């Protein structure tokens, strides 16, 4: 599932916002993408 998503996201022109858990597996899948952590307010 995530492999297809990463492939599609790498081919878009522009930016995207994706909310996933910050775990090593996700970082590995999205290597090469600029990951910008944000914090949410509760």
Protein backbone atom coordinates (compact mmCIF):
# COMPACT_ATOMS: atom_id res chain seq x y z
CA UNK A 1 0.00 0.00 0.00
CA UNK A 2 2.62 2.56 1.01
CA UNK A 3 4.91 1.61 -1.86
CA UNK A 4 2.25 2.66 -4.38
CA UNK A 5 1.62 5.84 -2.45
CA UNK A 6 5.29 6.80 -2.33
CA UNK A 7 5.61 6.15 -6.06
CA UNK A 8 2.68 8.43 -6.86
CA UNK A 9 3.78 11.16 -4.49
CA UNK A 10 7.30 11.21 -5.95
CA UNK A 11 5.84 11.88 -9.40
CA UNK A 12 3.61 14.82 -8.53
CA UNK A 13 4.68 18.34 -9.25
CA UNK A 14 4.26 20.38 -6.14
CA UNK A 15 3.95 19.70 -2.46
CA UNK A 16 1.95 17.30 -0.41
CA UNK A 17 0.98 16.98 3.21
CA UNK A 18 0.92 13.51 4.71
CA UNK A 19 0.23 12.53 8.28
CA UNK A 20 1.92 9.28 9.37
CA UNK A 21 3.63 8.05 12.50
CA UNK A 22 7.27 9.08 12.67
CA UNK A 23 8.87 5.64 12.68
CA UNK A 24 12.01 4.38 10.90
CA UNK A 25 10.01 2.38 8.34
CA UNK A 26 8.10 5.48 7.21
CA UNK A 27 11.28 7.54 7.07
CA UNK A 28 12.86 4.81 4.92
CA UNK A 29 9.92 4.76 2.51
CA UNK A 30 9.97 8.52 2.12
CA UNK A 31 13.72 8.99 1.96
CA UNK A 32 14.57 11.63 -0.57
CA UNK A 33 11.47 13.63 0.38
CA UNK A 34 11.79 16.66 2.57
CA UNK A 35 10.18 15.76 5.89
CA UNK A 36 9.13 18.72 7.95
CA UNK A 37 7.80 17.86 11.41
CA UNK A 38 4.89 19.89 12.70
CA UNK A 39 3.25 19.87 16.08
CA UNK A 40 -0.46 19.82 16.66
CA UNK A 41 -2.25 21.74 19.33
CA UNK A 42 -4.64 19.94 21.63
